[in-house]
C-alpha atoms as a PDB file:
ATOM      1  CA  MET A   1       0.000   0.000   0.000  1.00  0.00           C
ATOM      2  CA  ALA A   2       1.148   3.543  -0.761  1.00  0.00           C
ATOM      3  CA  LYS A   3       1.922   5.836   2.178  1.00  0.00           C
ATOM      4  CA  LEU A   4       1.392   9.445   3.184  1.00  0.00           C
ATOM      5  CA  TYR A   5       4.678  11.040   4.248  1.00  0.00           C
ATOM      6  CA  PHE A   6       5.049  14.324   6.120  1.00  0.00           C
ATOM      7  CA  ARG A   7       8.453  15.981   6.068  1.00  0.00           C
ATOM      8  CA  TYR A   8       8.544  19.028   8.332  1.00  0.00           C
ATOM      9  CA  GLY A   9      11.151  21.449   9.544  1.00  0.00           C
ATOM     10  CA  ALA A  10      11.889  25.060  10.373  1.00  0.00           C
ATOM     11  CA  MET A  11      12.383  27.679   7.685  1.00  0.00           C
ATOM     12  CA  GLY A  12      15.479  27.106   5.569  1.00  0.00           C
ATOM     13  CA  CYS A  13      15.901  23.397   6.321  1.00  0.00           C
ATOM     14  CA  GLY A  14      15.631  22.446   2.653  1.00  0.00           C
ATOM     15  CA  LYS A  15      12.051  21.179   2.404  1.00  0.00           C
ATOM     16  CA  THR A  16      11.501  22.484  -1.131  1.00  0.00           C
ATOM     17  CA  MET A  17      14.990  21.399  -2.176  1.00  0.00           C
ATOM     18  CA  GLN A  18      14.267  17.856  -0.997  1.00  0.00           C
ATOM     19  CA  LEU A  19      10.909  17.861  -2.809  1.00  0.00           C
ATOM     20  CA  LEU A  20      12.651  18.904  -6.043  1.00  0.00           C
ATOM     21  CA  GLN A  21      15.276  16.188  -5.542  1.00  0.00           C
ATOM     22  CA  VAL A  22      12.561  13.546  -5.126  1.00  0.00           C
ATOM     23  CA  ALA A  23      10.804  14.803  -8.283  1.00  0.00           C
ATOM     24  CA  PHE A  24      14.106  14.692 -10.185  1.00  0.00           C
ATOM     25  CA  ASN A  25      14.841  11.144  -9.006  1.00  0.00           C
ATOM     26  CA  TYR A  26      11.440   9.866 -10.167  1.00  0.00           C
ATOM     27  CA  GLU A  27      11.599  11.663 -13.512  1.00  0.00           C
ATOM     28  CA  GLU A  28      15.189  10.615 -14.185  1.00  0.00           C
ATOM     29  CA  ARG A  29      13.940   7.027 -14.007  1.00  0.00           C
ATOM     30  CA  GLY A  30      11.085   7.709 -16.421  1.00  0.00           C
ATOM     31  CA  HIS A  31       8.264   8.159 -13.898  1.00  0.00           C
ATOM     32  CA  GLN A  32       5.785  11.034 -13.871  1.00  0.00           C
ATOM     33  CA  VAL A  33       5.078  12.988 -10.674  1.00  0.00           C
ATOM     34  CA  CYS A  34       2.507  15.604  -9.725  1.00  0.00           C
ATOM     35  CA  VAL A  35       3.978  18.625  -7.934  1.00  0.00           C
ATOM     36  CA  MET A  36       1.447  20.751  -6.045  1.00  0.00           C
ATOM     37  CA  LYS A  37       1.357  23.795  -3.813  1.00  0.00           C
ATOM     38  CA  PRO A  38      -1.439  25.831  -2.233  1.00  0.00           C
ATOM     39  CA  ASN A  39      -2.119  29.246  -3.716  1.00  0.00           C
ATOM     40  CA  THR A  40      -1.985  30.644  -0.164  1.00  0.00           C
ATOM     41  CA  ASP A  41       1.729  30.841  -0.905  1.00  0.00           C
ATOM     42  CA  THR A  42       1.517  33.774  -3.323  1.00  0.00           C
ATOM     43  CA  LYS A  43       5.216  34.407  -3.700  1.00  0.00           C
ATOM     44  CA  ASN A  44       6.712  33.203  -6.993  1.00  0.00           C
ATOM     45  CA  GLY A  45       3.312  32.419  -8.551  1.00  0.00           C
ATOM     46  CA  LYS A  46       3.149  28.773  -9.616  1.00  0.00           C
ATOM     47  CA  LYS A  47       6.898  28.232  -9.234  1.00  0.00           C
ATOM     48  CA  LEU A  48       8.721  26.454  -6.461  1.00  0.00           C
ATOM     49  CA  LEU A  49      11.999  28.237  -5.736  1.00  0.00           C
ATOM     50  CA  THR A  50      14.790  27.215  -3.402  1.00  0.00           C
ATOM     51  CA  ARG A  51      17.200  29.496  -1.600  1.00  0.00           C
ATOM     52  CA  ILE A  52      20.139  27.910  -3.411  1.00  0.00           C
ATOM     53  CA  GLY A  53      18.840  28.030  -6.967  1.00  0.00           C
ATOM     54  CA  PRO A  54      16.839  25.070  -8.275  1.00  0.00           C
ATOM     55  CA  GLU A  55      13.265  25.823  -9.246  1.00  0.00           C
ATOM     56  CA  ARG A  56      10.303  24.177 -10.916  1.00  0.00           C
ATOM     57  CA  GLU A  57       6.831  25.035 -12.146  1.00  0.00           C
ATOM     58  CA  THR A  58       4.099  23.272 -10.198  1.00  0.00           C
ATOM     59  CA  ASP A  59       1.577  21.029 -11.932  1.00  0.00           C
ATOM     60  CA  VAL A  60      -1.243  22.174  -9.634  1.00  0.00           C
ATOM     61  CA  CYS A  61      -1.577  25.394  -7.647  1.00  0.00           C
ATOM     62  CA  PHE A  62      -4.709  24.800  -5.571  1.00  0.00           C
ATOM     63  CA  SER A  63      -7.093  26.801  -3.390  1.00  0.00           C
ATOM     64  CA  ARG A  64      -8.536  25.898   0.000  1.00  0.00           C
ATOM     65  CA  GLN A  65     -11.703  24.761  -1.818  1.00  0.00           C
ATOM     66  CA  THR A  66      -9.923  22.326  -4.167  1.00  0.00           C
ATOM     67  CA  ASP A  67     -10.796  18.668  -3.635  1.00  0.00           C
ATOM     68  CA  LEU A  68      -7.293  17.196  -3.951  1.00  0.00           C
ATOM     69  CA  PHE A  69      -8.501  13.614  -4.235  1.00  0.00           C
ATOM     70  CA  GLN A  70     -10.775  14.523  -7.132  1.00  0.00           C
ATOM     71  CA  GLU A  71      -8.054  16.634  -8.814  1.00  0.00           C
ATOM     72  CA  ILE A  72      -5.527  13.810  -8.638  1.00  0.00           C
ATOM     73  CA  ALA A  73      -8.027  11.064  -9.554  1.00  0.00           C
ATOM     74  CA  GLU A  74      -9.209  12.950 -12.643  1.00  0.00           C
ATOM     75  CA  ARG A  75      -5.924  14.372 -13.920  1.00  0.00           C
ATOM     76  CA  TYR A  76      -2.992  12.556 -12.303  1.00  0.00           C
ATOM     77  CA  ALA A  77      -4.139   9.004 -11.519  1.00  0.00           C
ATOM     78  CA  GLY A  78      -1.183   7.539 -13.439  1.00  0.00           C
ATOM     79  CA  VAL A  79       1.613   9.336 -11.605  1.00  0.00           C
ATOM     80  CA  ALA A  80       4.199   7.532  -9.521  1.00  0.00           C
ATOM     81  CA  CYS A  81       4.108  10.066  -6.686  1.00  0.00           C
ATOM     82  CA  VAL A  82       2.340  13.238  -5.550  1.00  0.00           C
ATOM     83  CA  LEU A  83       4.585  15.907  -4.002  1.00  0.00           C
ATOM     84  CA  VAL A  84       3.044  18.766  -1.998  1.00  0.00           C
ATOM     85  CA  ASP A  85       4.998  21.868  -0.955  1.00  0.00           C
ATOM     86  CA  GLU A  86       3.891  24.297   1.799  1.00  0.00           C
ATOM     87  CA  ALA A  87       1.680  21.539   3.233  1.00  0.00           C
ATOM     88  CA  GLN A  88       1.001  23.530   6.397  1.00  0.00           C
ATOM     89  CA  PHE A  89      -1.500  25.538   4.318  1.00  0.00           C
ATOM     90  CA  LEU A  90      -3.651  22.475   3.539  1.00  0.00           C
ATOM     91  CA  THR A  91      -7.068  22.337   5.118  1.00  0.00           C
ATOM     92  CA  ARG A  92      -7.825  19.417   7.427  1.00  0.00           C
ATOM     93  CA  GLU A  93     -10.089  18.004   4.686  1.00  0.00           C
ATOM     94  CA  GLN A  94      -7.331  18.277   2.077  1.00  0.00           C
ATOM     95  CA  ALA A  95      -4.914  16.367   4.316  1.00  0.00           C
ATOM     96  CA  ASP A  96      -7.571  13.650   4.610  1.00  0.00           C
ATOM     97  CA  GLN A  97      -8.030  13.718   0.816  1.00  0.00           C
ATOM     98  CA  LEU A  98      -4.298  13.078   0.391  1.00  0.00           C
ATOM     99  CA  MET A  99      -4.641  10.065   2.663  1.00  0.00           C
ATOM    100  CA  GLN A 100      -7.437   8.825   0.365  1.00  0.00           C
ATOM    101  CA  VAL A 101      -5.065   9.216  -2.605  1.00  0.00           C
ATOM    102  CA  THR A 102      -2.740   6.683  -0.941  1.00  0.00           C
ATOM    103  CA  ILE A 103      -5.586   4.309  -0.041  1.00  0.00           C
ATOM    104  CA  GLN A 104      -7.875   4.426  -3.076  1.00  0.00           C
ATOM    105  CA  LEU A 105      -5.399   5.314  -5.856  1.00  0.00           C
ATOM    106  CA  ASP A 106      -2.351   3.580  -4.333  1.00  0.00           C
ATOM    107  CA  ILE A 107      -0.167   6.630  -5.050  1.00  0.00           C
ATOM    108  CA  PRO A 108       2.420   7.685  -2.462  1.00  0.00           C
ATOM    109  CA  VAL A 109       2.093  11.298  -1.282  1.00  0.00           C
ATOM    110  CA  MET A 110       5.014  13.271   0.147  1.00  0.00           C
ATOM    111  CA  ALA A 111       3.989  16.500   1.869  1.00  0.00           C
ATOM    112  CA  TYR A 112       6.563  19.085   2.955  1.00  0.00           C
ATOM    113  CA  GLY A 113       5.842  21.951   5.321  1.00  0.00           C
ATOM    114  CA  LEU A 114       6.186  23.737   8.616  1.00  0.00           C
ATOM    115  CA  ARG A 115       4.999  22.094  11.816  1.00  0.00           C
ATOM    116  CA  LEU A 116       4.425  25.271  13.835  1.00  0.00           C
ATOM    117  CA  ASN A 117       3.577  28.887  13.082  1.00  0.00           C
ATOM    118  CA  PHE A 118       5.758  31.812  14.180  1.00  0.00           C
ATOM    119  CA  ARG A 119       4.045  31.867  17.596  1.00  0.00           C
ATOM    120  CA  GLN A 120       5.169  28.227  18.058  1.00  0.00           C
ATOM    121  CA  GLU A 121       1.564  27.033  17.980  1.00  0.00           C
ATOM    122  CA  ASP A 122       0.213  24.241  15.816  1.00  0.00           C
ATOM    123  CA  GLY A 123      -3.301  25.702  15.750  1.00  0.00           C
ATOM    124  CA  GLY A 124      -2.240  28.169  13.088  1.00  0.00           C
ATOM    125  CA  PHE A 125      -1.561  25.431  10.538  1.00  0.00           C
ATOM    126  CA  GLU A 126      -4.424  22.961  10.379  1.00  0.00           C
ATOM    127  CA  GLY A 127      -2.771  21.105   7.493  1.00  0.00           C
ATOM    128  CA  ALA A 128       0.374  20.402   9.496  1.00  0.00           C
ATOM    129  CA  THR A 129      -1.619  19.443  12.570  1.00  0.00           C
ATOM    130  CA  ARG A 130      -3.694  16.945  10.604  1.00  0.00           C
ATOM    131  CA  LEU A 131      -0.671  15.495   8.799  1.00  0.00           C
ATOM    132  CA  LEU A 132       1.039  14.924  12.149  1.00  0.00           C
ATOM    133  CA  GLN A 133      -2.071  13.020  13.239  1.00  0.00           C
ATOM    134  CA  ILE A 134      -2.559  10.796  10.191  1.00  0.00           C
ATOM    135  CA  ALA A 135       0.657  10.471   8.157  1.00  0.00           C
ATOM    136  CA  HIS A 136       2.140   6.987   7.900  1.00  0.00           C
ATOM    137  CA  ASP A 137       5.671   8.365   8.116  1.00  0.00           C
ATOM    138  CA  ILE A 138       6.817  11.626   9.748  1.00  0.00           C
ATOM    139  CA  GLU A 139      10.349  13.014   9.567  1.00  0.00           C
ATOM    140  CA  GLU A 140      11.921  16.209  10.817  1.00  0.00           C
ATOM    141  CA  LEU A 141      14.305  17.956   8.430  1.00  0.00           C
ATOM    142  CA  LYS A 142      16.902  19.824  10.449  1.00  0.00           C
ATOM    143  CA  THR A 143      18.591  23.201  10.113  1.00  0.00           C
ATOM    144  CA  ILE A 144      20.711  25.447  12.309  1.00  0.00           C
ATOM    145  CA  CYS A 145      20.103  28.704  14.172  1.00  0.00           C
ATOM    146  CA  GLU A 146      22.197  31.835  13.726  1.00  0.00           C
ATOM    147  CA  CYS A 147      24.049  30.765  16.909  1.00  0.00           C
ATOM    148  CA  GLY A 148      24.923  27.354  15.427  1.00  0.00           C
ATOM    149  CA  HIS A 149      22.539  25.200  17.491  1.00  0.00           C
ATOM    150  CA  LYS A 150      19.607  23.222  16.078  1.00  0.00           C
ATOM    151  CA  ALA A 151      16.793  25.548  14.975  1.00  0.00           C
ATOM    152  CA  THR A 152      13.233  24.423  15.664  1.00  0.00           C
ATOM    153  CA  CYS A 153      11.351  27.744  15.805  1.00  0.00           C
ATOM    154  CA  ASN A 154      10.040  29.800  12.885  1.00  0.00           C
ATOM    155  CA  CYS A 155      10.270  33.477  13.799  1.00  0.00           C
ATOM    156  CA  ARG A 156       8.841  36.535  12.078  1.00  0.00           C
ATOM    157  CA  PHE A 157      10.696  39.817  11.686  1.00  0.00           C
ATOM    158  CA  LEU A 158       9.050  42.953  10.300  1.00  0.00           C
ATOM    159  CA  ASP A 159      11.503  45.594   9.081  1.00  0.00           C
ATOM    160  CA  GLY A 160      14.166  43.787  11.109  1.00  0.00           C
ATOM    161  CA  HIS A 161      12.158  43.688  14.369  1.00  0.00           C
ATOM    162  CA  PHE A 162      11.191  40.425  16.070  1.00  0.00           C
ATOM    163  CA  VAL A 163       7.374  40.126  16.358  1.00  0.00           C
ATOM    164  CA  GLN A 164       5.103  37.651  18.117  1.00  0.00           C
ATOM    165  CA  ASP A 165       1.681  38.726  16.932  1.00  0.00           C
ATOM    166  CA  GLY A 166      -0.214  39.170  13.696  1.00  0.00           C
ATOM    167  CA  PRO A 167      -1.951  36.892  11.219  1.00  0.00           C
ATOM    168  CA  ASP A 168      -0.730  33.343  10.717  1.00  0.00           C
ATOM    169  CA  VAL A 169      -0.167  33.960   7.013  1.00  0.00           C
ATOM    170  CA  LEU A 170       1.797  37.086   6.105  1.00  0.00           C
ATOM    171  CA  ILE A 171       3.595  37.110   2.783  1.00  0.00           C
ATOM    172  CA  ASP A 172       5.575  40.020   1.349  1.00  0.00           C
ATOM    173  CA  ASP A 173       3.295  42.960   0.533  1.00  0.00           C
ATOM    174  CA  GLY A 174       6.031  45.147  -0.971  1.00  0.00           C
ATOM    175  CA  LYS A 175       5.693  47.772   1.795  1.00  0.00           C
ATOM    176  CA  THR A 176       7.090  46.079   4.867  1.00  0.00           C
ATOM    177  CA  LYS A 177      10.191  43.886   4.854  1.00  0.00           C
ATOM    178  CA  ILE A 178       8.839  40.537   6.045  1.00  0.00           C
ATOM    179  CA  GLU A 179      11.453  37.998   7.014  1.00  0.00           C
ATOM    180  CA  TYR A 180      11.216  34.579   8.612  1.00  0.00           C
ATOM    181  CA  ARG A 181      14.200  33.057  10.396  1.00  0.00           C
ATOM    182  CA  ALA A 182      14.762  29.640  11.915  1.00  0.00           C
ATOM    183  CA  LEU A 183      16.003  30.016  15.498  1.00  0.00           C
ATOM    184  CA  CYS A 184      16.722  27.787  18.475  1.00  0.00           C
ATOM    185  CA  PRO A 185      14.564  28.229  21.606  1.00  0.00           C
ATOM    186  CA  ALA A 186      17.388  30.039  23.464  1.00  0.00           C
ATOM    187  CA  CYS A 187      17.718  32.679  20.732  1.00  0.00           C
ATOM    188  CA  VAL A 188      13.934  33.094  20.619  1.00  0.00           C
ATOM    189  CA  GLU A 189      13.995  33.866  24.352  1.00  0.00           C
ATOM    190  CA  ALA A 190      16.861  36.321  23.831  1.00  0.00           C
ATOM    191  CA  TYR A 191      14.846  38.151  21.152  1.00  0.00           C
ATOM    192  CA  LYS A 192      11.801  38.195  23.447  1.00  0.00           C
ATOM    193  CA  ARG A 193      13.887  39.769  26.227  1.00  0.00           C
ATOM    194  CA  GLY A 194      15.372  42.292  23.787  1.00  0.00           C
ATOM    195  CA  ASP A 195      18.897  40.933  24.275  1.00  0.00           C
ATOM    196  CA  LYS A 196      19.410  40.520  20.522  1.00  0.00           C
END
């Protein structure tokens, strides 16, 4: 039976890079994949970009109303694998639909995303929360903090200032410099205290 995989990690851990590597490996061996991302992620349009260069056009850029099982069953039933970037933006129902893709269509699904929002709460990302509950296989992808320790926290900076409030989804509006950094818990506390 095919499985639903959830690969999560803090910002900059290489989630999109790993997704592109998996797509390349399948396609190099003559297999077709379906690469998807939610349109909640408005930066770069339909493209997946990595910080170190590789990029790819997605096959499907979906909304919160898209029935992913139906989309895949009707248009991509013959693929060897479904790859989903920014999986934290899935709805709970869409995460369940991806599980149905593995069960009913016998297609493996690999979803990549954040586990927690910038407030370190899972309630902000229902897709990630549901994937953690139902995925057959869960793996953390690791990265490092600016201090050199393991980074597990996604932190938001507006015009260079550490912030702890605001909407869960905030993508560059062209007016305010919005930056996300992966930090360790000790550095998060230092920013909260104003020591950094």
